[in-house]
Amino acid sequence: MAILQNTPLLAALFSIFFAQFVKIPIHFLMTRKLDWSLFTSTGGMPSSHSAAVTSLCTAIAFETGLDSTLFAVATVFAVIVMFDATGVRFQAGQQAIMINQMRLDFQLFVEQTKEWSHKKNDEKLEELKTLLGHKPIEVFMGAITGILISVIIYNFLL
């Protein structure tokens, strides 16, 4: 199968899985809590989005050179993805934090006026996901992760 010989694609996919997996021990070291759900969640250290696009970009550089049009496209794509991860998605997460706080304040009001505590858990509103985007350091570390994975693949495995 030709797709299994597409090293840039395989490097990018491996970078996603590696970055997602490494979030678990990093979180454990910081909190002493093992959270396997981080493997499939967005946000956190390192950014798997950044790892993927920089790994792809680096692999394309190895295959086609820094002066290729394909490398230029991959680089612009990587910059846009990383900018979005720190900008729009991070701000959406910050808004979710505020909306969740407003929801909690509203719930407190309802408890005090309508005996909220007698309602079942499934009747309560579900919290919005607050860990959507990345801090700049998370994007930077994701980018370093992706670059290093492609460098290792092209210098030591191929």
Protein backbone atom coordinates (compact mmCIF):
# COMPACT_ATOMS: atom_id res chain seq x y z
CA MET A 1 0.00 0.00 0.00
CA ALA A 2 1.47 3.30 -1.12
CA ILE A 3 -0.03 5.22 1.79
CA LEU A 4 2.16 3.24 4.20
CA GLN A 5 5.21 4.59 2.35
CA ASN A 6 4.14 8.22 2.80
CA THR A 7 6.65 9.20 5.47
CA PRO A 8 5.39 12.79 5.99
CA LEU A 9 1.88 11.48 6.66
CA LEU A 10 3.13 8.75 8.99
CA ALA A 11 5.37 11.20 10.85
CA ALA A 12 2.47 13.62 11.35
CA LEU A 13 0.13 10.87 12.56
CA PHE A 14 2.77 9.48 14.91
CA SER A 15 3.34 13.00 16.26
CA ILE A 16 -0.36 13.33 17.10
CA PHE A 17 -0.41 10.03 18.97
CA PHE A 18 2.87 10.75 20.74
CA ALA A 19 1.83 14.26 21.82
CA GLN A 20 -1.57 13.01 23.03
CA PHE A 21 0.01 10.13 24.97
CA VAL A 22 2.74 12.23 26.61
CA LYS A 23 0.04 14.55 28.05
CA ILE A 24 -0.86 11.76 30.49
CA PRO A 25 2.51 11.46 32.29
CA ILE A 26 3.01 15.25 32.18
CA HIS A 27 -0.38 15.75 33.84
CA PHE A 28 0.46 13.02 36.36
CA LEU A 29 3.76 14.70 37.28
CA MET A 30 1.96 18.00 37.83
CA THR A 31 -1.12 16.77 39.72
CA ARG A 32 -0.32 13.22 40.89
CA LYS A 33 -3.57 12.17 39.19
CA LEU A 34 -3.68 9.69 36.32
CA ASP A 35 -6.18 10.89 33.71
CA TRP A 36 -6.40 8.61 30.65
CA SER A 37 -9.09 10.82 29.09
CA LEU A 38 -6.33 13.29 28.17
CA PHE A 39 -5.37 10.93 25.34
CA THR A 40 -8.52 11.93 23.43
CA SER A 41 -9.00 15.48 24.71
CA THR A 42 -8.09 18.84 23.22
CA GLY A 43 -5.75 21.33 24.84
CA GLY A 44 -2.90 20.65 27.23
CA MET A 45 0.86 20.19 26.98
CA PRO A 46 2.12 19.60 24.34
CA SER A 47 -0.18 20.66 21.52
CA SER A 48 -0.77 17.66 19.28
CA HIS A 49 -2.00 20.00 16.54
CA SER A 50 1.32 21.82 16.57
CA ALA A 51 3.25 18.56 16.75
CA ALA A 52 1.39 17.22 13.71
CA VAL A 53 1.74 20.25 11.46
CA THR A 54 5.39 20.90 12.31
CA SER A 55 6.24 17.22 11.87
CA LEU A 56 4.49 17.27 8.49
CA CYS A 57 6.28 20.49 7.52
CA THR A 58 9.68 19.16 8.60
CA ALA A 59 9.15 15.85 6.78
CA ILE A 60 8.17 17.73 3.62
CA ALA A 61 11.34 19.81 3.96
CA PHE A 62 13.39 16.61 4.10
CA GLU A 63 11.61 15.17 1.06
CA THR A 64 11.23 18.19 -1.23
CA GLY A 65 13.64 20.81 0.12
CA LEU A 66 13.17 24.18 1.76
CA ASP A 67 12.72 25.87 -1.61
CA SER A 68 9.76 23.75 -2.74
CA THR A 69 6.24 25.04 -3.20
CA LEU A 70 4.92 22.12 -1.15
CA PHE A 71 7.10 23.16 1.80
CA ALA A 72 5.79 26.73 1.49
CA VAL A 73 2.18 25.48 1.59
CA ALA A 74 2.91 23.22 4.58
CA THR A 75 4.61 26.08 6.44
CA VAL A 76 1.71 28.50 5.93
CA PHE A 77 -0.70 25.72 6.97
CA ALA A 78 1.36 25.08 10.13
CA VAL A 79 1.46 28.76 11.06
CA ILE A 80 -2.31 29.11 10.64
CA VAL A 81 -3.02 26.00 12.73
CA MET A 82 -0.69 27.13 15.52
CA PHE A 83 -2.06 30.68 15.46
CA ASP A 84 -5.59 29.29 15.70
CA ALA A 85 -4.60 27.01 18.60
CA THR A 86 -3.35 29.95 20.65
CA GLY A 87 -5.88 32.49 19.44
CA VAL A 88 -9.43 31.53 18.58
CA ARG A 89 -9.51 28.14 20.32
CA PHE A 90 -7.81 29.47 23.47
CA GLN A 91 -10.25 32.38 23.69
CA ALA A 92 -13.18 29.99 23.19
CA GLY A 93 -11.90 28.06 26.20
CA GLN A 94 -11.68 31.26 28.24
CA GLN A 95 -15.27 32.11 27.29
CA ALA A 96 -16.36 28.63 28.32
CA ILE A 97 -14.83 29.23 31.77
CA MET A 98 -16.88 32.40 32.17
CA ILE A 99 -20.07 30.78 30.87
CA ASN A 100 -19.60 27.87 33.27
CA GLN A 101 -19.18 30.33 36.15
CA MET A 102 -22.36 32.13 35.09
CA ARG A 103 -24.12 28.77 34.96
CA LEU A 104 -22.94 27.94 38.47
CA ASP A 105 -24.12 31.31 39.72
CA PHE A 106 -27.48 30.72 38.10
CA GLN A 107 -27.68 27.24 39.65
CA LEU A 108 -27.01 28.72 43.07
CA PHE A 109 -29.83 31.18 42.53
CA VAL A 110 -32.19 28.37 41.48
CA GLU A 111 -31.17 26.27 44.52
CA GLN A 112 -32.04 29.11 46.81
CA THR A 113 -35.38 29.82 45.18
CA LYS A 114 -36.68 26.55 43.69
CA GLU A 115 -34.99 23.78 45.72
CA TRP A 116 -32.55 22.80 42.99
CA SER A 117 -31.14 20.02 45.19
CA HIS A 118 -34.24 17.86 44.62
CA LYS A 119 -33.57 17.56 40.89
CA LYS A 120 -31.73 14.59 39.41
CA ASN A 121 -28.21 14.97 38.04
CA ASP A 122 -29.35 14.25 34.49
CA GLU A 123 -31.65 17.27 34.67
CA LYS A 124 -28.74 19.61 35.30
CA LEU A 125 -26.93 21.37 32.49
CA GLU A 126 -23.69 19.88 31.19
CA GLU A 127 -20.58 22.01 31.51
CA LEU A 128 -18.94 23.43 28.40
CA LYS A 129 -15.43 22.19 27.63
CA THR A 130 -12.94 24.82 28.79
CA LEU A 131 -9.71 23.17 27.58
CA LEU A 132 -10.11 23.89 23.88
CA GLY A 133 -7.02 25.79 22.90
CA HIS A 134 -3.42 26.14 23.92
CA LYS A 135 -1.16 28.56 25.70
CA PRO A 136 1.77 29.72 23.57
CA ILE A 137 4.21 27.47 25.48
CA GLU A 138 2.01 24.44 24.74
CA VAL A 139 2.04 25.28 21.02
CA PHE A 140 5.80 25.86 21.11
CA MET A 141 6.44 22.52 22.84
CA GLY A 142 4.12 20.79 20.35
CA ALA A 143 6.06 22.36 17.49
CA ILE A 144 9.39 21.22 18.96
CA THR A 145 7.93 17.72 19.45
CA GLY A 146 6.82 17.49 15.82
CA ILE A 147 10.08 18.79 14.43
CA LEU A 148 12.13 16.40 16.56
CA ILE A 149 10.03 13.40 15.55
CA SER A 150 10.56 14.09 11.85
CA VAL A 151 14.27 14.79 12.35
CA ILE A 152 14.63 11.47 14.20
CA ILE A 153 12.68 9.58 11.53
CA TYR A 154 14.69 11.01 8.63
CA ASN A 155 18.11 10.87 10.29
CA PHE A 156 17.93 7.59 12.18
CA LEU A 157 15.15 5.42 10.77
CA LEU A 158 15.25 5.97 7.00
